Amino acid sequence: QGQRTNDIMRTLTAVTAIFLPLNLFTGFFGMNFEHLP
């Protein structure tokens, strides 16, 4: 049961780590400035 819990937490952590820079990227381009690349 502990191993299953560790596998689930590792998967969730990996998914979070993957989407964290994507959120940062989309948040950067979502700023309300007129001059953005």
PDB file of all heavy atoms in Angstrom:
ATOM      1  N   GLN A   1       0.821  -1.199   0.000  1.00  0.00           N
ATOM      2  CA  GLN A   1       0.000   0.000   0.000  1.00  0.00           C
ATOM      3  C   GLN A   1       0.865   1.264   0.000  1.00  0.00           C
ATOM      4  O   GLN A   1       0.569   2.246  -0.694  1.00  0.00           O
ATOM      5  CB  GLN A   1      -0.926  -0.009   1.227  1.00  0.00           C
ATOM      6  CG  GLN A   1      -2.002  -1.074   1.197  1.00  0.00           C
ATOM      7  CD  GLN A   1      -3.017  -0.842   0.101  1.00  0.00           C
ATOM      8  OE1 GLN A   1      -3.233   0.286  -0.339  1.00  0.00           O
ATOM      9  NE2 GLN A   1      -3.638  -1.909  -0.362  1.00  0.00           N
ATOM     10  N   GLY A   2       1.950   1.239   0.777  1.00  0.00           N
ATOM     11  CA  GLY A   2       2.861   2.375   0.780  1.00  0.00           C
ATOM     12  C   GLY A   2       3.526   2.584  -0.567  1.00  0.00           C
ATOM     13  O   GLY A   2       3.705   3.726  -1.016  1.00  0.00           O
ATOM     14  N   GLN A   3       3.879   1.473  -1.241  1.00  0.00           N
ATOM     15  CA  GLN A   3       4.500   1.583  -2.561  1.00  0.00           C
ATOM     16  C   GLN A   3       3.515   2.146  -3.575  1.00  0.00           C
ATOM     17  O   GLN A   3       3.880   2.983  -4.422  1.00  0.00           O
ATOM     18  CB  GLN A   3       5.002   0.205  -3.009  1.00  0.00           C
ATOM     19  CG  GLN A   3       5.712   0.205  -4.354  1.00  0.00           C
ATOM     20  CD  GLN A   3       6.973   1.049  -4.333  1.00  0.00           C
ATOM     21  OE1 GLN A   3       7.664   1.114  -3.317  1.00  0.00           O
ATOM     22  NE2 GLN A   3       7.284   1.706  -5.449  1.00  0.00           N
ATOM     23  N   ARG A   4       2.264   1.713  -3.502  1.00  0.00           N
ATOM     24  CA  ARG A   4       1.259   2.264  -4.416  1.00  0.00           C
ATOM     25  C   ARG A   4       1.080   3.769  -4.178  1.00  0.00           C
ATOM     26  O   ARG A   4       0.956   4.545  -5.126  1.00  0.00           O
ATOM     27  CB  ARG A   4      -0.079   1.534  -4.215  1.00  0.00           C
ATOM     28  CG  ARG A   4      -0.056   0.061  -4.609  1.00  0.00           C
ATOM     29  CD  ARG A   4      -1.460  -0.519  -4.636  1.00  0.00           C
ATOM     30  NE  ARG A   4      -1.437  -1.961  -4.789  1.00  0.00           N
ATOM     31  CZ  ARG A   4      -1.617  -2.834  -3.808  1.00  0.00           C
ATOM     32  NH1 ARG A   4      -1.859  -2.395  -2.575  1.00  0.00           N
ATOM     33  NH2 ARG A   4      -1.568  -4.128  -4.037  1.00  0.00           N
ATOM     34  N   THR A   5       1.057   4.154  -2.910  1.00  0.00           N
ATOM     35  CA  THR A   5       0.925   5.576  -2.587  1.00  0.00           C
ATOM     36  C   THR A   5       2.113   6.365  -3.123  1.00  0.00           C
ATOM     37  O   THR A   5       1.958   7.467  -3.670  1.00  0.00           O
ATOM     38  CB  THR A   5       0.800   5.767  -1.073  1.00  0.00           C
ATOM     39  OG1 THR A   5      -0.326   5.025  -0.593  1.00  0.00           O
ATOM     40  CG2 THR A   5       0.624   7.233  -0.715  1.00  0.00           C
ATOM     41  N   ASN A   6       3.316   5.799  -2.976  1.00  0.00           N
ATOM     42  CA  ASN A   6       4.508   6.477  -3.501  1.00  0.00           C
ATOM     43  C   ASN A   6       4.451   6.611  -5.013  1.00  0.00           C
ATOM     44  O   ASN A   6       4.845   7.654  -5.580  1.00  0.00           O
ATOM     45  CB  ASN A   6       5.764   5.712  -3.092  1.00  0.00           C
ATOM     46  CG  ASN A   6       6.013   5.785  -1.592  1.00  0.00           C
ATOM     47  OD1 ASN A   6       5.552   6.704  -0.921  1.00  0.00           O
ATOM     48  ND2 ASN A   6       6.746   4.809  -1.067  1.00  0.00           N
ATOM     49  N   ASP A   7       3.989   5.564  -5.703  1.00  0.00           N
ATOM     50  CA  ASP A   7       3.883   5.637  -7.167  1.00  0.00           C
ATOM     51  C   ASP A   7       2.895   6.715  -7.589  1.00  0.00           C
ATOM     52  O   ASP A   7       3.142   7.475  -8.551  1.00  0.00           O
ATOM     53  CB  ASP A   7       3.447   4.281  -7.726  1.00  0.00           C
ATOM     54  CG  ASP A   7       4.525   3.216  -7.547  1.00  0.00           C
ATOM     55  OD1 ASP A   7       5.693   3.593  -7.351  1.00  0.00           O
ATOM     56  OD2 ASP A   7       4.179   2.014  -7.602  1.00  0.00           O
ATOM     57  N   ILE A   8       1.770   6.787  -6.886  1.00  0.00           N
ATOM     58  CA  ILE A   8       0.768   7.808  -7.224  1.00  0.00           C
ATOM     59  C   ILE A   8       1.330   9.213  -6.989  1.00  0.00           C
ATOM     60  O   ILE A   8       1.179  10.112  -7.835  1.00  0.00           O
ATOM     61  CB  ILE A   8      -0.513   7.584  -6.402  1.00  0.00           C
ATOM     62  CG1 ILE A   8      -1.175   6.270  -6.822  1.00  0.00           C
ATOM     63  CG2 ILE A   8      -1.491   8.742  -6.580  1.00  0.00           C
ATOM     64  CD1 ILE A   8      -2.355   5.877  -5.952  1.00  0.00           C
ATOM     65  N   MET A   9       1.979   9.413  -5.846  1.00  0.00           N
ATOM     66  CA  MET A   9       2.538  10.735  -5.544  1.00  0.00           C
ATOM     67  C   MET A   9       3.650  11.090  -6.526  1.00  0.00           C
ATOM     68  O   MET A   9       3.792  12.269  -6.920  1.00  0.00           O
ATOM     69  CB  MET A   9       3.064  10.757  -4.113  1.00  0.00           C
ATOM     70  CG  MET A   9       1.991  10.628  -3.055  1.00  0.00           C
ATOM     71  SD  MET A   9       0.734  11.924  -3.197  1.00  0.00           S
ATOM     72  CE  MET A   9       1.740  13.380  -2.966  1.00  0.00           C
ATOM     73  N   ARG A  10       4.454  10.123  -6.955  1.00  0.00           N
ATOM     74  CA  ARG A  10       5.509  10.403  -7.917  1.00  0.00           C
ATOM     75  C   ARG A  10       4.927  10.811  -9.263  1.00  0.00           C
ATOM     76  O   ARG A  10       5.425  11.732  -9.929  1.00  0.00           O
ATOM     77  CB  ARG A  10       6.407   9.174  -8.062  1.00  0.00           C
ATOM     78  CG  ARG A  10       7.587   9.396  -8.996  1.00  0.00           C
ATOM     79  CD  ARG A  10       8.504   8.190  -8.981  1.00  0.00           C
ATOM     80  NE  ARG A  10       7.795   6.973  -9.342  1.00  0.00           N
ATOM     81  CZ  ARG A  10       8.365   5.755  -9.349  1.00  0.00           C
ATOM     82  NH1 ARG A  10       9.633   5.630  -8.975  1.00  0.00           N
ATOM     83  NH2 ARG A  10       7.669   4.704  -9.702  1.00  0.00           N
ATOM     84  N   THR A  11       3.854  10.121  -9.671  1.00  0.00           N
ATOM     85  CA  THR A  11       3.209  10.470 -10.936  1.00  0.00           C
ATOM     86  C   THR A  11       2.610  11.875 -10.878  1.00  0.00           C
ATOM     87  O   THR A  11       2.761  12.678 -11.814  1.00  0.00           O
ATOM     88  CB  THR A  11       2.125   9.437 -11.266  1.00  0.00           C
ATOM     89  OG1 THR A  11       2.710   8.143 -11.345  1.00  0.00           O
ATOM     90  CG2 THR A  11       1.459   9.773 -12.587  1.00  0.00           C
ATOM     91  N   LEU A  12       1.911  12.164  -9.768  1.00  0.00           N
ATOM     92  CA  LEU A  12       1.322  13.506  -9.629  1.00  0.00           C
ATOM     93  C   LEU A  12       2.403  14.583  -9.599  1.00  0.00           C
ATOM     94  O   LEU A  12       2.237  15.677 -10.172  1.00  0.00           O
ATOM     95  CB  LEU A  12       0.474  13.566  -8.354  1.00  0.00           C
ATOM     96  CG  LEU A  12      -0.798  12.705  -8.352  1.00  0.00           C
ATOM     97  CD1 LEU A  12      -1.494  12.807  -6.995  1.00  0.00           C
ATOM     98  CD2 LEU A  12      -1.738  13.149  -9.465  1.00  0.00           C
ATOM     99  N   THR A  13       3.504  14.285  -8.944  1.00  0.00           N
ATOM    100  CA  THR A  13       4.600  15.253  -8.876  1.00  0.00           C
ATOM    101  C   THR A  13       5.201  15.494 -10.255  1.00  0.00           C
ATOM    102  O   THR A  13       5.516  16.641 -10.634  1.00  0.00           O
ATOM    103  CB  THR A  13       5.675  14.763  -7.912  1.00  0.00           C
ATOM    104  OG1 THR A  13       5.095  14.558  -6.617  1.00  0.00           O
ATOM    105  CG2 THR A  13       6.816  15.763  -7.799  1.00  0.00           C
ATOM    106  N   ALA A  14       5.347  14.408 -11.023  1.00  0.00           N
ATOM    107  CA  ALA A  14       5.908  14.557 -12.370  1.00  0.00           C
ATOM    108  C   ALA A  14       4.974  15.373 -13.260  1.00  0.00           C
ATOM    109  O   ALA A  14       5.419  16.248 -14.023  1.00  0.00           O
ATOM    110  CB  ALA A  14       6.163  13.188 -12.980  1.00  0.00           C
ATOM    111  N   VAL A  15       3.665  15.096 -13.182  1.00  0.00           N
ATOM    112  CA  VAL A  15       2.704  15.850 -13.990  1.00  0.00           C
ATOM    113  C   VAL A  15       2.730  17.329 -13.598  1.00  0.00           C
ATOM    114  O   VAL A  15       2.697  18.226 -14.463  1.00  0.00           O
ATOM    115  CB  VAL A  15       1.300  15.250 -13.824  1.00  0.00           C
ATOM    116  CG1 VAL A  15       0.257  16.149 -14.484  1.00  0.00           C
ATOM    117  CG2 VAL A  15       1.243  13.852 -14.428  1.00  0.00           C
ATOM    118  N   THR A  16       2.795  17.583 -12.293  1.00  0.00           N
ATOM    119  CA  THR A  16       2.860  18.982 -11.829  1.00  0.00           C
ATOM    120  C   THR A  16       4.121  19.665 -12.323  1.00  0.00           C
ATOM    121  O   THR A  16       4.101  20.841 -12.745  1.00  0.00           O
ATOM    122  CB  THR A  16       2.801  19.012 -10.301  1.00  0.00           C
ATOM    123  OG1 THR A  16       1.599  18.378  -9.863  1.00  0.00           O
ATOM    124  CG2 THR A  16       2.829  20.439  -9.782  1.00  0.00           C
ATOM    125  N   ALA A  17       5.255  18.934 -12.294  1.00  0.00           N
ATOM    126  CA  ALA A  17       6.525  19.519 -12.758  1.00  0.00           C
ATOM    127  C   ALA A  17       6.507  19.798 -14.241  1.00  0.00           C
ATOM    128  O   ALA A  17       7.150  20.757 -14.723  1.00  0.00           O
ATOM    129  CB  ALA A  17       7.672  18.569 -12.411  1.00  0.00           C
ATOM    130  N   ILE A  18       5.760  18.973 -14.993  1.00  0.00           N
ATOM    131  CA  ILE A  18       5.689  19.204 -16.442  1.00  0.00           C
ATOM    132  C   ILE A  18       4.862  20.441 -16.748  1.00  0.00           C
ATOM    133  O   ILE A  18       5.229  21.274 -17.592  1.00  0.00           O
ATOM    134  CB  ILE A  18       5.104  17.955 -17.139  1.00  0.00           C
ATOM    135  CG1 ILE A  18       6.106  16.787 -17.060  1.00  0.00           C
ATOM    136  CG2 ILE A  18       4.772  18.264 -18.596  1.00  0.00           C
ATOM    137  CD1 ILE A  18       5.559  15.478 -17.588  1.00  0.00           C
ATOM    138  N   PHE A  19       3.746  20.602 -16.071  1.00  0.00           N
ATOM    139  CA  PHE A  19       2.846  21.714 -16.391  1.00  0.00           C
ATOM    140  C   PHE A  19       3.253  23.022 -15.710  1.00  0.00           C
ATOM    141  O   PHE A  19       2.749  24.089 -16.081  1.00  0.00           O
ATOM    142  CB  PHE A  19       1.415  21.361 -15.988  1.00  0.00           C
ATOM    143  CG  PHE A  19       0.718  20.476 -16.989  1.00  0.00           C
ATOM    144  CD1 PHE A  19       0.764  19.100 -16.852  1.00  0.00           C
ATOM    145  CD2 PHE A  19       0.050  21.031 -18.070  1.00  0.00           C
ATOM    146  CE1 PHE A  19       0.128  18.292 -17.767  1.00  0.00           C
ATOM    147  CE2 PHE A  19      -0.579  20.216 -18.993  1.00  0.00           C
ATOM    148  CZ  PHE A  19      -0.544  18.829 -18.848  1.00  0.00           C
ATOM    149  N   LEU A  20       4.132  22.994 -14.751  1.00  0.00           N
ATOM    150  CA  LEU A  20       4.531  24.225 -14.077  1.00  0.00           C
ATOM    151  C   LEU A  20       5.222  25.208 -15.029  1.00  0.00           C
ATOM    152  O   LEU A  20       4.841  26.392 -15.088  1.00  0.00           O
ATOM    153  CB  LEU A  20       5.432  23.893 -12.891  1.00  0.00           C
ATOM    154  CG  LEU A  20       5.867  25.084 -12.033  1.00  0.00           C
ATOM    155  CD1 LEU A  20       4.637  25.764 -11.425  1.00  0.00           C
ATOM    156  CD2 LEU A  20       6.830  24.625 -10.937  1.00  0.00           C
ATOM    157  N   PRO A  21       6.241  24.798 -15.825  1.00  0.00           N
ATOM    158  CA  PRO A  21       6.827  25.764 -16.771  1.00  0.00           C
ATOM    159  C   PRO A  21       5.850  26.178 -17.862  1.00  0.00           C
ATOM    160  O   PRO A  21       5.925  27.305 -18.377  1.00  0.00           O
ATOM    161  CB  PRO A  21       8.039  25.018 -17.346  1.00  0.00           C
ATOM    162  CG  PRO A  21       7.765  23.579 -17.087  1.00  0.00           C
ATOM    163  CD  PRO A  21       6.966  23.513 -15.846  1.00  0.00           C
ATOM    164  N   LEU A  22       4.895  25.259 -18.204  1.00  0.00           N
ATOM    165  CA  LEU A  22       3.907  25.631 -19.219  1.00  0.00           C
ATOM    166  C   LEU A  22       2.990  26.727 -18.683  1.00  0.00           C
ATOM    167  O   LEU A  22       2.617  27.662 -19.414  1.00  0.00           O
ATOM    168  CB  LEU A  22       3.080  24.416 -19.635  1.00  0.00           C
ATOM    169  CG  LEU A  22       3.880  23.213 -20.173  1.00  0.00           C
ATOM    170  CD1 LEU A  22       2.934  22.120 -20.629  1.00  0.00           C
ATOM    171  CD2 LEU A  22       4.804  23.641 -21.312  1.00  0.00           C
ATOM    172  N   ASN A  23       2.619  26.598 -17.415  1.00  0.00           N
ATOM    173  CA  ASN A  23       1.799  27.651 -16.805  1.00  0.00           C
ATOM    174  C   ASN A  23       2.549  28.982 -16.748  1.00  0.00           C
ATOM    175  O   ASN A  23       1.974  30.066 -16.951  1.00  0.00           O
ATOM    176  CB  ASN A  23       1.371  27.233 -15.397  1.00  0.00           C
ATOM    177  CG  ASN A  23       0.369  26.088 -15.404  1.00  0.00           C
ATOM    178  OD1 ASN A  23      -0.356  25.922 -16.376  1.00  0.00           O
ATOM    179  ND2 ASN A  23       0.346  25.312 -14.336  1.00  0.00           N
ATOM    180  N   LEU A  24       3.840  28.892 -16.445  1.00  0.00           N
ATOM    181  CA  LEU A  24       4.655  30.109 -16.428  1.00  0.00           C
ATOM    182  C   LEU A  24       4.721  30.747 -17.815  1.00  0.00           C
ATOM    183  O   LEU A  24       4.628  31.978 -17.969  1.00  0.00           O
ATOM    184  CB  LEU A  24       6.058  29.773 -15.926  1.00  0.00           C
ATOM    185  CG  LEU A  24       7.067  30.927 -15.903  1.00  0.00           C
ATOM    186  CD1 LEU A  24       6.603  32.036 -14.943  1.00  0.00           C
ATOM    187  CD2 LEU A  24       8.454  30.418 -15.492  1.00  0.00           C
ATOM    188  N   PHE A  25       4.872  29.884 -18.834  1.00  0.00           N
ATOM    189  CA  PHE A  25       4.974  30.380 -20.210  1.00  0.00           C
ATOM    190  C   PHE A  25       3.677  31.057 -20.630  1.00  0.00           C
ATOM    191  O   PHE A  25       3.681  32.175 -21.173  1.00  0.00           O
ATOM    192  CB  PHE A  25       5.298  29.199 -21.132  1.00  0.00           C
ATOM    193  CG  PHE A  25       5.656  29.593 -22.521  1.00  0.00           C
ATOM    194  CD1 PHE A  25       6.951  29.942 -22.866  1.00  0.00           C
ATOM    195  CD2 PHE A  25       4.683  29.611 -23.515  1.00  0.00           C
ATOM    196  CE1 PHE A  25       7.276  30.310 -24.158  1.00  0.00           C
ATOM    197  CE2 PHE A  25       5.000  29.974 -24.807  1.00  0.00           C
ATOM    198  CZ  PHE A  25       6.303  30.332 -25.137  1.00  0.00           C
ATOM    199  N   THR A  26       2.545  30.352 -20.380  1.00  0.00           N
ATOM    200  CA  THR A  26       1.254  30.937 -20.773  1.00  0.00           C
ATOM    201  C   THR A  26       0.922  32.155 -19.922  1.00  0.00           C
ATOM    202  O   THR A  26       0.277  33.109 -20.394  1.00  0.00           O
ATOM    203  CB  THR A  26       0.135  29.893 -20.630  1.00  0.00           C
ATOM    204  OG1 THR A  26       0.129  29.381 -19.278  1.00  0.00           O
ATOM    205  CG2 THR A  26       0.340  28.747 -21.591  1.00  0.00           C
ATOM    206  N   GLY A  27       1.341  32.155 -18.664  1.00  0.00           N
ATOM    207  CA  GLY A  27       1.100  33.336 -17.824  1.00  0.00           C
ATOM    208  C   GLY A  27       1.880  34.538 -18.308  1.00  0.00           C
ATOM    209  O   GLY A  27       1.406  35.681 -18.220  1.00  0.00           O
ATOM    210  N   PHE A  28       3.079  34.292 -18.830  1.00  0.00           N
ATOM    211  CA  PHE A  28       3.881  35.406 -19.344  1.00  0.00           C
ATOM    212  C   PHE A  28       3.203  36.061 -20.536  1.00  0.00           C
ATOM    213  O   PHE A  28       3.094  37.286 -20.628  1.00  0.00           O
ATOM    214  CB  PHE A  28       5.279  34.909 -19.723  1.00  0.00           C
ATOM    215  CG  PHE A  28       6.135  35.932 -20.369  1.00  0.00           C
ATOM    216  CD1 PHE A  28       6.759  36.928 -19.624  1.00  0.00           C
ATOM    217  CD2 PHE A  28       6.311  35.938 -21.751  1.00  0.00           C
ATOM    218  CE1 PHE A  28       7.542  37.885 -20.244  1.00  0.00           C
ATOM    219  CE2 PHE A  28       7.098  36.896 -22.362  1.00  0.00           C
ATOM    220  CZ  PHE A  28       7.716  37.869 -21.608  1.00  0.00           C
ATOM    221  N   PHE A  29       2.729  35.241 -21.480  1.00  0.00           N
ATOM    222  CA  PHE A  29       2.092  35.798 -22.667  1.00  0.00           C
ATOM    223  C   PHE A  29       0.656  36.256 -22.385  1.00  0.00           C
ATOM    224  O   PHE A  29       0.038  36.874 -23.226  1.00  0.00           O
ATOM    225  CB  PHE A  29       2.082  34.771 -23.805  1.00  0.00           C
ATOM    226  CG  PHE A  29       3.398  34.637 -24.492  1.00  0.00           C
ATOM    227  CD1 PHE A  29       4.295  33.650 -24.153  1.00  0.00           C
ATOM    228  CD2 PHE A  29       3.754  35.548 -25.503  1.00  0.00           C
ATOM    229  CE1 PHE A  29       5.508  33.542 -24.794  1.00  0.00           C
ATOM    230  CE2 PHE A  29       4.975  35.422 -26.154  1.00  0.00           C
ATOM    231  CZ  PHE A  29       5.865  34.422 -25.790  1.00  0.00           C
ATOM    232  N   GLY A  30       0.164  35.958 -21.200  1.00  0.00           N
ATOM    233  CA  GLY A  30      -1.180  36.425 -20.876  1.00  0.00           C
ATOM    234  C   GLY A  30      -1.196  37.774 -20.181  1.00  0.00           C
ATOM    235  O   GLY A  30      -2.272  38.262 -19.810  1.00  0.00           O
ATOM    236  N   MET A  31      -0.033  38.406 -20.014  1.00  0.00           N
ATOM    237  CA  MET A  31       0.003  39.723 -19.367  1.00  0.00           C
ATOM    238  C   MET A  31      -0.564  40.792 -20.314  1.00  0.00           C
ATOM    239  O   MET A  31      -0.377  40.715 -21.542  1.00  0.00           O
ATOM    240  CB  MET A  31       1.427  40.071 -18.964  1.00  0.00           C
ATOM    241  CG  MET A  31       1.967  39.185 -17.840  1.00  0.00           C
ATOM    242  SD  MET A  31       3.594  39.724 -17.238  1.00  0.00           S
ATOM    243  CE  MET A  31       4.590  39.486 -18.717  1.00  0.00           C
ATOM    244  N   ASN A  32      -1.229  41.746 -19.759  1.00  0.00           N
ATOM    245  CA  ASN A  32      -1.913  42.783 -20.550  1.00  0.00           C
ATOM    246  C   ASN A  32      -0.970  43.943 -20.899  1.00  0.00           C
ATOM    247  O   ASN A  32      -1.193  45.100 -20.539  1.00  0.00           O
ATOM    248  CB  ASN A  32      -3.123  43.319 -19.793  1.00  0.00           C
ATOM    249  CG  ASN A  32      -4.200  42.256 -19.635  1.00  0.00           C
ATOM    250  OD1 ASN A  32      -4.394  41.470 -20.562  1.00  0.00           O
ATOM    251  ND2 ASN A  32      -4.868  42.250 -18.495  1.00  0.00           N
ATOM    252  N   PHE A  33       0.111  43.612 -21.575  1.00  0.00           N
ATOM    253  CA  PHE A  33       1.002  44.642 -22.102  1.00  0.00           C
ATOM    254  C   PHE A  33       0.859  44.674 -23.617  1.00  0.00           C
ATOM    255  O   PHE A  33       0.673  43.614 -24.245  1.00  0.00           O
ATOM    256  CB  PHE A  33       2.460  44.368 -21.711  1.00  0.00           C
ATOM    257  CG  PHE A  33       2.715  44.525 -20.227  1.00  0.00           C
ATOM    258  CD1 PHE A  33       2.886  43.417 -19.417  1.00  0.00           C
ATOM    259  CD2 PHE A  33       2.788  45.790 -19.656  1.00  0.00           C
ATOM    260  CE1 PHE A  33       3.134  43.564 -18.072  1.00  0.00           C
ATOM    261  CE2 PHE A  33       3.025  45.937 -18.310  1.00  0.00           C
ATOM    262  CZ  PHE A  33       3.196  44.834 -17.503  1.00  0.00           C
ATOM    263  N   GLU A  34       0.992  45.855 -24.175  1.00  0.00           N
ATOM    264  CA  GLU A  34       0.805  45.959 -25.627  1.00  0.00           C
ATOM    265  C   GLU A  34       2.009  45.455 -26.391  1.00  0.00           C
ATOM    266  O   GLU A  34       1.859  44.852 -27.460  1.00  0.00           O
ATOM    267  CB  GLU A  34       0.533  47.416 -25.994  1.00  0.00           C
ATOM    268  CG  GLU A  34       0.264  47.620 -27.484  1.00  0.00           C
ATOM    269  CD  GLU A  34      -0.061  49.073 -27.817  1.00  0.00           C
ATOM    270  OE1 GLU A  34      -0.120  49.906 -26.878  1.00  0.00           O
ATOM    271  OE2 GLU A  34      -0.238  49.378 -29.006  1.00  0.00           O
ATOM    272  N   HIS A  35       3.200  45.680 -25.894  1.00  0.00           N
ATOM    273  CA  HIS A  35       4.409  45.269 -26.608  1.00  0.00           C
ATOM    274  C   HIS A  35       4.970  44.001 -25.974  1.00  0.00           C
ATOM    275  O   HIS A  35       5.740  44.047 -25.017  1.00  0.00           O
ATOM    276  CB  HIS A  35       5.458  46.406 -26.591  1.00  0.00           C
ATOM    277  CG  HIS A  35       4.958  47.660 -27.216  1.00  0.00           C
ATOM    278  ND1 HIS A  35       4.787  47.824 -28.590  1.00  0.00           N
ATOM    279  CD2 HIS A  35       4.554  48.846 -26.654  1.00  0.00           C
ATOM    280  CE1 HIS A  35       4.328  49.032 -28.845  1.00  0.00           C
ATOM    281  NE2 HIS A  35       4.174  49.683 -27.676  1.00  0.00           N
ATOM    282  N   LEU A  36       4.530  42.898 -26.453  1.00  0.00           N
ATOM    283  CA  LEU A  36       5.054  41.576 -26.081  1.00  0.00           C
ATOM    284  C   LEU A  36       5.435  40.839 -27.346  1.00  0.00           C
ATOM    285  O   LEU A  36       4.785  41.007 -28.389  1.00  0.00           O
ATOM    286  CB  LEU A  36       4.009  40.766 -25.308  1.00  0.00           C
ATOM    287  CG  LEU A  36       3.741  41.177 -23.859  1.00  0.00           C
ATOM    288  CD1 LEU A  36       2.600  40.334 -23.287  1.00  0.00           C
ATOM    289  CD2 LEU A  36       4.988  40.993 -22.996  1.00  0.00           C
ATOM    290  N   PRO A  37       6.512  40.048 -27.312  1.00  0.00           N
ATOM    291  CA  PRO A  37       6.912  39.331 -28.524  1.00  0.00           C
ATOM    292  C   PRO A  37       5.832  38.355 -28.982  1.00  0.00           C
ATOM    293  O   PRO A  37       5.160  37.716 -28.162  1.00  0.00           O
ATOM    294  CB  PRO A  37       8.193  38.609 -28.095  1.00  0.00           C
ATOM    295  CG  PRO A  37       8.166  38.592 -26.610  1.00  0.00           C
ATOM    296  CD  PRO A  37       7.380  39.775 -26.170  1.00  0.00           C
TER     297      PRO A  37
END
